[in-house]
Amino acid sequence: MSPPGAPYIQVRDALPLPEFIPALGTLFVDPDTLPAGPFLAYDHYGKLSATVYMTPLEDLSNGTAYDGLGIGSHTVSGVDVYFNAGHPGVDRAHAHVVLFHDEDAKSRLAE
């Protein structure tokens, strides 16, 4: 349940982003793991719903590997990968890799 313990902080406290981002939820991150994350994504009820990674495409094409990334839960019911042109916090083009932690997580994060 939200909030996770230290060293995670709520993303909106560090970046000019809303508290809840549709399709991603309320995000928490350890600032030392930026830009890749993991970002822990919670629904409106405070339930951990997804783990999100934001990997800059330029870094990947230059050979950067993001190994040993943390995970919010070992239960994964689905994965989405999609392009993002950039936003506060990760302003370069990057891939969002979203691990959903239960069958209903994606729909709860979309609300």
PDB file of N, CA and C in Angstrom:
ATOM      1  N   MET A   1       0.843  -1.190   0.000  1.00  0.00           N
ATOM      2  CA  MET A   1       0.000   0.000   0.000  1.00  0.00           C
ATOM      3  C   MET A   1       0.883   1.246   0.000  1.00  0.00           C
ATOM      4  N   SER A   2       0.327   2.304  -0.503  1.00  0.00           N
ATOM      5  CA  SER A   2       1.026   3.587  -0.575  1.00  0.00           C
ATOM      6  C   SER A   2       1.023   4.249   0.788  1.00  0.00           C
ATOM      7  N   PRO A   3       2.043   4.977   1.133  1.00  0.00           N
ATOM      8  CA  PRO A   3       3.290   5.192   0.401  1.00  0.00           C
ATOM      9  C   PRO A   3       4.315   4.124   0.752  1.00  0.00           C
ATOM     10  N   PRO A   4       5.247   3.897  -0.185  1.00  0.00           N
ATOM     11  CA  PRO A   4       6.331   2.966   0.121  1.00  0.00           C
ATOM     12  C   PRO A   4       7.310   3.640   1.086  1.00  0.00           C
ATOM     13  N   GLY A   5       8.149   2.878   1.691  1.00  0.00           N
ATOM     14  CA  GLY A   5       9.128   3.436   2.628  1.00  0.00           C
ATOM     15  C   GLY A   5      10.304   4.089   1.920  1.00  0.00           C
ATOM     16  N   ALA A   6      11.184   4.637   2.714  1.00  0.00           N
ATOM     17  CA  ALA A   6      12.410   5.258   2.201  1.00  0.00           C
ATOM     18  C   ALA A   6      13.196   4.210   1.431  1.00  0.00           C
ATOM     19  N   PRO A   7      13.861   4.590   0.399  1.00  0.00           N
ATOM     20  CA  PRO A   7      14.225   5.928  -0.049  1.00  0.00           C
ATOM     21  C   PRO A   7      13.259   6.532  -1.067  1.00  0.00           C
ATOM     22  N   TYR A   8      12.074   5.906  -1.259  1.00  0.00           N
ATOM     23  CA  TYR A   8      11.129   6.382  -2.265  1.00  0.00           C
ATOM     24  C   TYR A   8      10.492   7.704  -1.857  1.00  0.00           C
ATOM     25  N   ILE A   9      10.353   8.589  -2.847  1.00  0.00           N
ATOM     26  CA  ILE A   9       9.640   9.854  -2.667  1.00  0.00           C
ATOM     27  C   ILE A   9       8.558   9.930  -3.726  1.00  0.00           C
ATOM     28  N   GLN A  10       7.515  10.709  -3.432  1.00  0.00           N
ATOM     29  CA  GLN A  10       6.463  10.891  -4.426  1.00  0.00           C
ATOM     30  C   GLN A  10       7.006  11.775  -5.548  1.00  0.00           C
ATOM     31  N   VAL A  11       6.821  11.355  -6.767  1.00  0.00           N
ATOM     32  CA  VAL A  11       7.377  12.052  -7.919  1.00  0.00           C
ATOM     33  C   VAL A  11       6.898  13.499  -7.968  1.00  0.00           C
ATOM     34  N   ARG A  12       5.658  13.761  -7.640  1.00  0.00           N
ATOM     35  CA  ARG A  12       5.151  15.139  -7.719  1.00  0.00           C
ATOM     36  C   ARG A  12       5.853  16.067  -6.729  1.00  0.00           C
ATOM     37  N   ASP A  13       6.485  15.525  -5.698  1.00  0.00           N
ATOM     38  CA  ASP A  13       7.230  16.353  -4.747  1.00  0.00           C
ATOM     39  C   ASP A  13       8.597  16.768  -5.296  1.00  0.00           C
ATOM     40  N   ALA A  14       9.043  16.099  -6.347  1.00  0.00           N
ATOM     41  CA  ALA A  14      10.355  16.387  -6.918  1.00  0.00           C
ATOM     42  C   ALA A  14      10.269  17.012  -8.307  1.00  0.00           C
ATOM     43  N   LEU A  15       9.164  16.784  -8.996  1.00  0.00           N
ATOM     44  CA  LEU A  15       9.028  17.233 -10.379  1.00  0.00           C
ATOM     45  C   LEU A  15       7.674  17.911 -10.582  1.00  0.00           C
ATOM     46  N   PRO A  16       7.576  18.792 -11.578  1.00  0.00           N
ATOM     47  CA  PRO A  16       6.299  19.457 -11.838  1.00  0.00           C
ATOM     48  C   PRO A  16       5.322  18.535 -12.578  1.00  0.00           C
ATOM     49  N   LEU A  17       4.853  17.526 -11.881  1.00  0.00           N
ATOM     50  CA  LEU A  17       3.901  16.568 -12.426  1.00  0.00           C
ATOM     51  C   LEU A  17       2.706  16.473 -11.491  1.00  0.00           C
ATOM     52  N   PRO A  18       1.547  16.083 -12.020  1.00  0.00           N
ATOM     53  CA  PRO A  18       0.372  15.926 -11.148  1.00  0.00           C
ATOM     54  C   PRO A  18       0.541  14.750 -10.192  1.00  0.00           C
ATOM     55  N   GLU A  19      -0.261  14.738  -9.146  1.00  0.00           N
ATOM     56  CA  GLU A  19      -0.196  13.645  -8.180  1.00  0.00           C
ATOM     57  C   GLU A  19      -0.535  12.314  -8.836  1.00  0.00           C
ATOM     58  N   PHE A  20      -1.575  12.306  -9.670  1.00  0.00           N
ATOM     59  CA  PHE A  20      -2.001  11.082 -10.351  1.00  0.00           C
ATOM     60  C   PHE A  20      -1.891  11.310 -11.852  1.00  0.00           C
ATOM     61  N   ILE A  21      -1.169  10.443 -12.531  1.00  0.00           N
ATOM     62  CA  ILE A  21      -0.984  10.538 -13.976  1.00  0.00           C
ATOM     63  C   ILE A  21      -1.797   9.415 -14.614  1.00  0.00           C
ATOM     64  N   PRO A  22      -2.820   9.754 -15.421  1.00  0.00           N
ATOM     65  CA  PRO A  22      -3.618   8.697 -16.051  1.00  0.00           C
ATOM     66  C   PRO A  22      -2.733   7.715 -16.809  1.00  0.00           C
ATOM     67  N   ALA A  23      -3.001   6.442 -16.625  1.00  0.00           N
ATOM     68  CA  ALA A  23      -2.293   5.296 -17.198  1.00  0.00           C
ATOM     69  C   ALA A  23      -1.033   4.926 -16.421  1.00  0.00           C
ATOM     70  N   LEU A  24      -0.555   5.815 -15.530  1.00  0.00           N
ATOM     71  CA  LEU A  24       0.621   5.498 -14.715  1.00  0.00           C
ATOM     72  C   LEU A  24       0.323   5.532 -13.221  1.00  0.00           C
ATOM     73  N   GLY A  25      -0.650   6.308 -12.799  1.00  0.00           N
ATOM     74  CA  GLY A  25      -1.022   6.359 -11.396  1.00  0.00           C
ATOM     75  C   GLY A  25      -0.237   7.376 -10.589  1.00  0.00           C
ATOM     76  N   THR A  26      -0.198   7.174  -9.290  1.00  0.00           N
ATOM     77  CA  THR A  26       0.600   7.988  -8.374  1.00  0.00           C
ATOM     78  C   THR A  26       1.967   7.332  -8.287  1.00  0.00           C
ATOM     79  N   LEU A  27       2.991   8.067  -8.692  1.00  0.00           N
ATOM     80  CA  LEU A  27       4.325   7.483  -8.814  1.00  0.00           C
ATOM     81  C   LEU A  27       5.240   7.844  -7.654  1.00  0.00           C
ATOM     82  N   PHE A  28       6.042   6.883  -7.252  1.00  0.00           N
ATOM     83  CA  PHE A  28       7.094   7.060  -6.259  1.00  0.00           C
ATOM     84  C   PHE A  28       8.383   6.535  -6.874  1.00  0.00           C
ATOM     85  N   VAL A  29       9.517   7.190  -6.540  1.00  0.00           N
ATOM     86  CA  VAL A  29      10.805   6.762  -7.079  1.00  0.00           C
ATOM     87  C   VAL A  29      11.903   7.047  -6.071  1.00  0.00           C
ATOM     88  N   ASP A  30      12.928   6.239  -6.100  1.00  0.00           N
ATOM     89  CA  ASP A  30      14.161   6.518  -5.366  1.00  0.00           C
ATOM     90  C   ASP A  30      14.947   7.466  -6.265  1.00  0.00           C
ATOM     91  N   PRO A  31      15.200   8.706  -5.857  1.00  0.00           N
ATOM     92  CA  PRO A  31      15.879   9.669  -6.731  1.00  0.00           C
ATOM     93  C   PRO A  31      17.232   9.178  -7.246  1.00  0.00           C
ATOM     94  N   ASP A  32      17.886   8.298  -6.514  1.00  0.00           N
ATOM     95  CA  ASP A  32      19.190   7.787  -6.945  1.00  0.00           C
ATOM     96  C   ASP A  32      19.096   6.851  -8.146  1.00  0.00           C
ATOM     97  N   THR A  33      17.889   6.399  -8.487  1.00  0.00           N
ATOM     98  CA  THR A  33      17.734   5.458  -9.599  1.00  0.00           C
ATOM     99  C   THR A  33      17.253   6.130 -10.884  1.00  0.00           C
ATOM    100  N   LEU A  34      17.122   7.461 -10.869  1.00  0.00           N
ATOM    101  CA  LEU A  34      16.682   8.170 -12.072  1.00  0.00           C
ATOM    102  C   LEU A  34      17.757   8.102 -13.152  1.00  0.00           C
ATOM    103  N   PRO A  35      17.423   8.048 -14.438  1.00  0.00           N
ATOM    104  CA  PRO A  35      16.073   8.187 -14.962  1.00  0.00           C
ATOM    105  C   PRO A  35      15.312   6.873 -15.084  1.00  0.00           C
ATOM    106  N   ALA A  36      15.975   5.742 -14.973  1.00  0.00           N
ATOM    107  CA  ALA A  36      15.324   4.468 -15.294  1.00  0.00           C
ATOM    108  C   ALA A  36      14.259   4.053 -14.285  1.00  0.00           C
ATOM    109  N   GLY A  37      14.470   4.342 -13.029  1.00  0.00           N
ATOM    110  CA  GLY A  37      13.538   3.871 -12.008  1.00  0.00           C
ATOM    111  C   GLY A  37      14.086   2.627 -11.341  1.00  0.00           C
ATOM    112  N   PRO A  38      13.261   1.876 -10.701  1.00  0.00           N
ATOM    113  CA  PRO A  38      11.838   1.713 -10.929  1.00  0.00           C
ATOM    114  C   PRO A  38      10.993   2.814 -10.279  1.00  0.00           C
ATOM    115  N   PHE A  39       9.902   3.121 -10.948  1.00  0.00           N
ATOM    116  CA  PHE A  39       8.858   3.975 -10.411  1.00  0.00           C
ATOM    117  C   PHE A  39       7.761   3.044  -9.924  1.00  0.00           C
ATOM    118  N   LEU A  40       7.350   3.183  -8.691  1.00  0.00           N
ATOM    119  CA  LEU A  40       6.256   2.374  -8.162  1.00  0.00           C
ATOM    120  C   LEU A  40       4.961   3.135  -8.408  1.00  0.00           C
ATOM    121  N   ALA A  41       4.022   2.491  -9.080  1.00  0.00           N
ATOM    122  CA  ALA A  41       2.774   3.127  -9.505  1.00  0.00           C
ATOM    123  C   ALA A  41       1.608   2.594  -8.679  1.00  0.00           C
ATOM    124  N   TYR A  42       0.916   3.512  -8.016  1.00  0.00           N
ATOM    125  CA  TYR A  42      -0.212   3.163  -7.154  1.00  0.00           C
ATOM    126  C   TYR A  42      -1.507   3.702  -7.743  1.00  0.00           C
ATOM    127  N   ASP A  43      -2.595   2.957  -7.547  1.00  0.00           N
ATOM    128  CA  ASP A  43      -3.900   3.416  -8.010  1.00  0.00           C
ATOM    129  C   ASP A  43      -4.501   4.407  -7.015  1.00  0.00           C
ATOM    130  N   HIS A  44      -5.718   4.859  -7.283  1.00  0.00           N
ATOM    131  CA  HIS A  44      -6.385   5.843  -6.416  1.00  0.00           C
ATOM    132  C   HIS A  44      -6.641   5.310  -5.007  1.00  0.00           C
ATOM    133  N   TYR A  45      -6.608   4.006  -4.828  1.00  0.00           N
ATOM    134  CA  TYR A  45      -6.874   3.393  -3.527  1.00  0.00           C
ATOM    135  C   TYR A  45      -5.594   3.096  -2.756  1.00  0.00           C
ATOM    136  N   GLY A  46      -4.439   3.457  -3.333  1.00  0.00           N
ATOM    137  CA  GLY A  46      -3.161   3.232  -2.673  1.00  0.00           C
ATOM    138  C   GLY A  46      -2.591   1.844  -2.876  1.00  0.00           C
ATOM    139  N   LYS A  47      -3.155   1.084  -3.815  1.00  0.00           N
ATOM    140  CA  LYS A  47      -2.668  -0.277  -4.080  1.00  0.00           C
ATOM    141  C   LYS A  47      -1.557  -0.227  -5.128  1.00  0.00           C
ATOM    142  N   LEU A  48      -0.437  -0.898  -4.842  1.00  0.00           N
ATOM    143  CA  LEU A  48       0.640  -1.017  -5.830  1.00  0.00           C
ATOM    144  C   LEU A  48       0.087  -1.752  -7.040  1.00  0.00           C
ATOM    145  N   SER A  49       0.118  -1.082  -8.191  1.00  0.00           N
ATOM    146  CA  SER A  49      -0.494  -1.629  -9.396  1.00  0.00           C
ATOM    147  C   SER A  49       0.501  -1.928 -10.496  1.00  0.00           C
ATOM    148  N   ALA A  50       1.629  -1.207 -10.506  1.00  0.00           N
ATOM    149  CA  ALA A  50       2.604  -1.418 -11.572  1.00  0.00           C
ATOM    150  C   ALA A  50       3.983  -0.947 -11.133  1.00  0.00           C
ATOM    151  N   THR A  51       4.979  -1.476 -11.799  1.00  0.00           N
ATOM    152  CA  THR A  51       6.344  -0.965 -11.734  1.00  0.00           C
ATOM    153  C   THR A  51       6.646  -0.411 -13.114  1.00  0.00           C
ATOM    154  N   VAL A  52       7.189   0.815 -13.154  1.00  0.00           N
ATOM    155  CA  VAL A  52       7.436   1.496 -14.421  1.00  0.00           C
ATOM    156  C   VAL A  52       8.922   1.826 -14.531  1.00  0.00           C
ATOM    157  N   TYR A  53       9.467   1.591 -15.722  1.00  0.00           N
ATOM    158  CA  TYR A  53      10.840   1.992 -16.028  1.00  0.00           C
ATOM    159  C   TYR A  53      10.781   2.999 -17.172  1.00  0.00           C
ATOM    160  N   MET A  54      11.658   3.990 -17.137  1.00  0.00           N
ATOM    161  CA  MET A  54      11.719   5.015 -18.174  1.00  0.00           C
ATOM    162  C   MET A  54      13.148   5.072 -18.684  1.00  0.00           C
ATOM    163  N   THR A  55      13.412   4.376 -19.775  1.00  0.00           N
ATOM    164  CA  THR A  55      14.775   4.223 -20.261  1.00  0.00           C
ATOM    165  C   THR A  55      15.008   5.108 -21.483  1.00  0.00           C
ATOM    166  N   PRO A  56      15.900   6.105 -21.385  1.00  0.00           N
ATOM    167  CA  PRO A  56      16.172   7.009 -22.508  1.00  0.00           C
ATOM    168  C   PRO A  56      16.676   6.243 -23.736  1.00  0.00           C
ATOM    169  N   LEU A  57      16.060   6.497 -24.880  1.00  0.00           N
ATOM    170  CA  LEU A  57      16.420   5.790 -26.110  1.00  0.00           C
ATOM    171  C   LEU A  57      17.859   6.081 -26.525  1.00  0.00           C
ATOM    172  N   GLU A  58      18.312   7.312 -26.344  1.00  0.00           N
ATOM    173  CA  GLU A  58      19.681   7.666 -26.690  1.00  0.00           C
ATOM    174  C   GLU A  58      20.678   6.840 -25.886  1.00  0.00           C
ATOM    175  N   ASP A  59      20.400   6.682 -24.590  1.00  0.00           N
ATOM    176  CA  ASP A  59      21.285   5.872 -23.750  1.00  0.00           C
ATOM    177  C   ASP A  59      21.322   4.427 -24.233  1.00  0.00           C
ATOM    178  N   LEU A  60      20.150   3.875 -24.542  1.00  0.00           N
ATOM    179  CA  LEU A  60      20.103   2.494 -25.016  1.00  0.00           C
ATOM    180  C   LEU A  60      20.845   2.335 -26.326  1.00  0.00           C
ATOM    181  N   SER A  61      20.667   3.282 -27.259  1.00  0.00           N
ATOM    182  CA  SER A  61      21.348   3.161 -28.550  1.00  0.00           C
ATOM    183  C   SER A  61      22.856   3.361 -28.424  1.00  0.00           C
ATOM    184  N   ASN A  62      23.294   4.019 -27.343  1.00  0.00           N
ATOM    185  CA  ASN A  62      24.730   4.194 -27.093  1.00  0.00           C
ATOM    186  C   ASN A  62      25.322   3.059 -26.261  1.00  0.00           C
ATOM    187  N   GLY A  63      24.513   2.043 -25.989  1.00  0.00           N
ATOM    188  CA  GLY A  63      25.030   0.862 -25.319  1.00  0.00           C
ATOM    189  C   GLY A  63      24.815   0.787 -23.820  1.00  0.00           C
ATOM    190  N   THR A  64      24.119   1.778 -23.236  1.00  0.00           N
ATOM    191  CA  THR A  64      23.853   1.713 -21.799  1.00  0.00           C
ATOM    192  C   THR A  64      22.910   0.550 -21.511  1.00  0.00           C
ATOM    193  N   ALA A  65      23.247  -0.231 -20.513  1.00  0.00           N
ATOM    194  CA  ALA A  65      22.380  -1.310 -20.055  1.00  0.00           C
ATOM    195  C   ALA A  65      21.851  -0.948 -18.674  1.00  0.00           C
ATOM    196  N   TYR A  66      20.610  -1.201 -18.459  1.00  0.00           N
ATOM    197  CA  TYR A  66      20.001  -0.983 -17.142  1.00  0.00           C
ATOM    198  C   TYR A  66      19.784  -2.359 -16.530  1.00  0.00           C
ATOM    199  N   ASP A  67      20.780  -2.827 -15.819  1.00  0.00           N
ATOM    200  CA  ASP A  67      20.753  -4.165 -15.238  1.00  0.00           C
ATOM    201  C   ASP A  67      20.328  -4.104 -13.777  1.00  0.00           C
ATOM    202  N   GLY A  68      19.699  -5.163 -13.333  1.00  0.00           N
ATOM    203  CA  GLY A  68      19.385  -5.304 -11.918  1.00  0.00           C
ATOM    204  C   GLY A  68      18.387  -4.289 -11.390  1.00  0.00           C
ATOM    205  N   LEU A  69      17.485  -3.805 -12.235  1.00  0.00           N
ATOM    206  CA  LEU A  69      16.479  -2.847 -11.775  1.00  0.00           C
ATOM    207  C   LEU A  69      15.543  -3.508 -10.775  1.00  0.00           C
ATOM    208  N   GLY A  70      15.135  -2.747  -9.787  1.00  0.00           N
ATOM    209  CA  GLY A  70      14.197  -3.263  -8.789  1.00  0.00           C
ATOM    210  C   GLY A  70      12.824  -3.492  -9.380  1.00  0.00           C
ATOM    211  N   ILE A  71      11.990  -4.166  -8.610  1.00  0.00           N
ATOM    212  CA  ILE A  71      10.619  -4.448  -9.025  1.00  0.00           C
ATOM    213  C   ILE A  71       9.716  -4.276  -7.812  1.00  0.00           C
ATOM    214  N   GLY A  72       8.549  -3.710  -8.045  1.00  0.00           N
ATOM    215  CA  GLY A  72       7.630  -3.455  -6.936  1.00  0.00           C
ATOM    216  C   GLY A  72       6.971  -4.706  -6.405  1.00  0.00           C
ATOM    217  N   SER A  73       6.766  -5.696  -7.266  1.00  0.00           N
ATOM    218  CA  SER A  73       6.134  -6.956  -6.886  1.00  0.00           C
ATOM    219  C   SER A  73       6.593  -8.024  -7.865  1.00  0.00           C
ATOM    220  N   HIS A  74       6.751  -9.238  -7.386  1.00  0.00           N
ATOM    221  CA  HIS A  74       7.170 -10.330  -8.265  1.00  0.00           C
ATOM    222  C   HIS A  74       6.010 -10.890  -9.069  1.00  0.00           C
ATOM    223  N   THR A  75       4.795 -10.475  -8.759  1.00  0.00           N
ATOM    224  CA  THR A  75       3.639 -10.878  -9.549  1.00  0.00           C
ATOM    225  C   THR A  75       3.484  -9.901 -10.702  1.00  0.00           C
ATOM    226  N   VAL A  76       3.531 -10.410 -11.922  1.00  0.00           N
ATOM    227  CA  VAL A  76       3.357  -9.588 -13.116  1.00  0.00           C
ATOM    228  C   VAL A  76       2.317 -10.267 -14.000  1.00  0.00           C
ATOM    229  N   SER A  77       1.236  -9.530 -14.290  1.00  0.00           N
ATOM    230  CA  SER A  77       0.163 -10.098 -15.101  1.00  0.00           C
ATOM    231  C   SER A  77       0.213  -9.626 -16.547  1.00  0.00           C
ATOM    232  N   GLY A  78       0.992  -8.588 -16.828  1.00  0.00           N
ATOM    233  CA  GLY A  78       1.104  -8.074 -18.184  1.00  0.00           C
ATOM    234  C   GLY A  78       2.172  -6.999 -18.252  1.00  0.00           C
ATOM    235  N   VAL A  79       2.635  -6.727 -19.467  1.00  0.00           N
ATOM    236  CA  VAL A  79       3.688  -5.738 -19.686  1.00  0.00           C
ATOM    237  C   VAL A  79       3.316  -4.885 -20.893  1.00  0.00           C
ATOM    238  N   ASP A  80       3.446  -3.564 -20.761  1.00  0.00           N
ATOM    239  CA  ASP A  80       3.308  -2.640 -21.885  1.00  0.00           C
ATOM    240  C   ASP A  80       4.644  -1.941 -22.079  1.00  0.00           C
ATOM    241  N   VAL A  81       5.031  -1.713 -23.335  1.00  0.00           N
ATOM    242  CA  VAL A  81       6.218  -0.949 -23.681  1.00  0.00           C
ATOM    243  C   VAL A  81       5.784   0.068 -24.727  1.00  0.00           C
ATOM    244  N   TYR A  82       6.083   1.353 -24.473  1.00  0.00           N
ATOM    245  CA  TYR A  82       5.690   2.366 -25.447  1.00  0.00           C
ATOM    246  C   TYR A  82       6.621   3.570 -25.397  1.00  0.00           C
ATOM    247  N   PHE A  83       6.609   4.327 -26.478  1.00  0.00           N
ATOM    248  CA  PHE A  83       7.450   5.501 -26.664  1.00  0.00           C
ATOM    249  C   PHE A  83       6.876   6.705 -25.935  1.00  0.00           C
ATOM    250  N   ASN A  84       7.762   7.535 -25.379  1.00  0.00           N
ATOM    251  CA  ASN A  84       7.381   8.830 -24.812  1.00  0.00           C
ATOM    252  C   ASN A  84       8.418   9.835 -25.289  1.00  0.00           C
ATOM    253  N   ALA A  85       7.955  10.965 -25.817  1.00  0.00           N
ATOM    254  CA  ALA A  85       8.860  11.977 -26.383  1.00  0.00           C
ATOM    255  C   ALA A  85       9.619  12.752 -25.318  1.00  0.00           C
ATOM    256  N   GLY A  86       9.174  12.670 -24.077  1.00  0.00           N
ATOM    257  CA  GLY A  86       9.834  13.372 -22.975  1.00  0.00           C
ATOM    258  C   GLY A  86       8.829  14.128 -22.131  1.00  0.00           C
ATOM    259  N   HIS A  87       9.170  14.303 -20.860  1.00  0.00           N
ATOM    260  CA  HIS A  87       8.321  15.017 -19.902  1.00  0.00           C
ATOM    261  C   HIS A  87       9.208  15.435 -18.743  1.00  0.00           C
ATOM    262  N   PRO A  88       8.720  16.266 -17.831  1.00  0.00           N
ATOM    263  CA  PRO A  88       9.558  16.644 -16.685  1.00  0.00           C
ATOM    264  C   PRO A  88      10.103  15.411 -15.966  1.00  0.00           C
ATOM    265  N   GLY A  89      11.369  15.449 -15.682  1.00  0.00           N
ATOM    266  CA  GLY A  89      12.026  14.338 -14.999  1.00  0.00           C
ATOM    267  C   GLY A  89      12.803  13.443 -15.933  1.00  0.00           C
ATOM    268  N   VAL A  90      12.223  13.150 -17.086  1.00  0.00           N
ATOM    269  CA  VAL A  90      12.910  12.404 -18.139  1.00  0.00           C
ATOM    270  C   VAL A  90      12.590  13.165 -19.427  1.00  0.00           C
ATOM    271  N   ASP A  91      13.351  14.223 -19.682  1.00  0.00           N
ATOM    272  CA  ASP A  91      12.994  15.146 -20.763  1.00  0.00           C
ATOM    273  C   ASP A  91      13.444  14.681 -22.141  1.00  0.00           C
ATOM    274  N   ARG A  92      14.204  13.600 -22.208  1.00  0.00           N
ATOM    275  CA  ARG A  92      14.617  13.046 -23.495  1.00  0.00           C
ATOM    276  C   ARG A  92      13.649  11.947 -23.926  1.00  0.00           C
ATOM    277  N   ALA A  93      13.635  11.649 -25.228  1.00  0.00           N
ATOM    278  CA  ALA A  93      12.816  10.543 -25.721  1.00  0.00           C
ATOM    279  C   ALA A  93      13.209   9.261 -24.989  1.00  0.00           C
ATOM    280  N   HIS A  94      12.211   8.503 -24.581  1.00  0.00           N
ATOM    281  CA  HIS A  94      12.473   7.295 -23.808  1.00  0.00           C
ATOM    282  C   HIS A  94      11.357   6.277 -23.996  1.00  0.00           C
ATOM    283  N   ALA A  95      11.623   5.075 -23.554  1.00  0.00           N
ATOM    284  CA  ALA A  95      10.616   4.019 -23.559  1.00  0.00           C
ATOM    285  C   ALA A  95      10.056   3.881 -22.162  1.00  0.00           C
ATOM    286  N   HIS A  96       8.747   3.746 -22.072  1.00  0.00           N
ATOM    287  CA  HIS A  96       8.105   3.362 -20.810  1.00  0.00           C
ATOM    288  C   HIS A  96       7.929   1.849 -20.865  1.00  0.00           C
ATOM    289  N   VAL A  97       8.406   1.179 -19.856  1.00  0.00           N
ATOM    290  CA  VAL A  97       8.186  -0.255 -19.690  1.00  0.00           C
ATOM    291  C   VAL A  97       7.355  -0.389 -18.423  1.00  0.00           C
ATOM    292  N   VAL A  98       6.141  -0.893 -18.567  1.00  0.00           N
ATOM    293  CA  VAL A  98       5.197  -0.948 -17.449  1.00  0.00           C
ATOM    294  C   VAL A  98       4.864  -2.404 -17.145  1.00  0.00           C
ATOM    295  N   LEU A  99       5.209  -2.842 -15.935  1.00  0.00           N
ATOM    296  CA  LEU A  99       4.860  -4.187 -15.466  1.00  0.00           C
ATOM    297  C   LEU A  99       3.618  -4.067 -14.588  1.00  0.00           C
ATOM    298  N   PHE A 100       2.503  -4.623 -15.028  1.00  0.00           N
ATOM    299  CA  PHE A 100       1.269  -4.578 -14.244  1.00  0.00           C
ATOM    300  C   PHE A 100       1.254  -5.748 -13.268  1.00  0.00           C
ATOM    301  N   HIS A 101       0.827  -5.481 -12.035  1.00  0.00           N
ATOM    302  CA  HIS A 101       0.945  -6.481 -10.981  1.00  0.00           C
ATOM    303  C   HIS A 101      -0.313  -7.284 -10.696  1.00  0.00           C
ATOM    304  N   ASP A 102      -1.405  -7.008 -11.405  1.00  0.00           N
ATOM    305  CA  ASP A 102      -2.596  -7.852 -11.306  1.00  0.00           C
ATOM    306  C   ASP A 102      -3.472  -7.585 -12.520  1.00  0.00           C
ATOM    307  N   GLU A 103      -4.435  -8.436 -12.751  1.00  0.00           N
ATOM    308  CA  GLU A 103      -5.258  -8.374 -13.960  1.00  0.00           C
ATOM    309  C   GLU A 103      -6.013  -7.054 -14.132  1.00  0.00           C
ATOM    310  N   ASP A 104      -6.400  -6.407 -13.037  1.00  0.00           N
ATOM    311  CA  ASP A 104      -7.186  -5.178 -13.108  1.00  0.00           C
ATOM    312  C   ASP A 104      -6.346  -3.908 -12.999  1.00  0.00           C
ATOM    313  N   ALA A 105      -5.048  -4.041 -12.852  1.00  0.00           N
ATOM    314  CA  ALA A 105      -4.182  -2.880 -12.595  1.00  0.00           C
ATOM    315  C   ALA A 105      -4.266  -1.840 -13.706  1.00  0.00           C
ATOM    316  N   LYS A 106      -4.201  -2.264 -14.939  1.00  0.00           N
ATOM    317  CA  LYS A 106      -4.210  -1.314 -16.054  1.00  0.00           C
ATOM    318  C   LYS A 106      -5.482  -0.476 -16.057  1.00  0.00           C
ATOM    319  N   SER A 107      -6.618  -1.092 -15.824  1.00  0.00           N
ATOM    320  CA  SER A 107      -7.882  -0.330 -15.808  1.00  0.00           C
ATOM    321  C   SER A 107      -7.955   0.606 -14.608  1.00  0.00           C
ATOM    322  N   ARG A 108      -7.428   0.204 -13.452  1.00  0.00           N
ATOM    323  CA  ARG A 108      -7.442   1.090 -12.276  1.00  0.00           C
ATOM    324  C   ARG A 108      -6.549   2.301 -12.493  1.00  0.00           C
ATOM    325  N   LEU A 109      -5.399   2.117 -13.159  1.00  0.00           N
ATOM    326  CA  LEU A 109      -4.504   3.232 -13.417  1.00  0.00           C
ATOM    327  C   LEU A 109      -5.048   4.187 -14.471  1.00  0.00           C
ATOM    328  N   ALA A 110      -5.954   3.700 -15.315  1.00  0.00           N
ATOM    329  CA  ALA A 110      -6.550   4.528 -16.361  1.00  0.00           C
ATOM    330  C   ALA A 110      -7.647   5.443 -15.827  1.00  0.00           C
ATOM    331  N   GLU A 111      -8.151   5.155 -14.633  1.00  0.00           N
ATOM    332  CA  GLU A 111      -9.289   5.934 -14.075  1.00  0.00           C
ATOM    333  C   GLU A 111      -8.864   7.344 -13.742  1.00  0.00           C
TER     334      GLU A 111
END
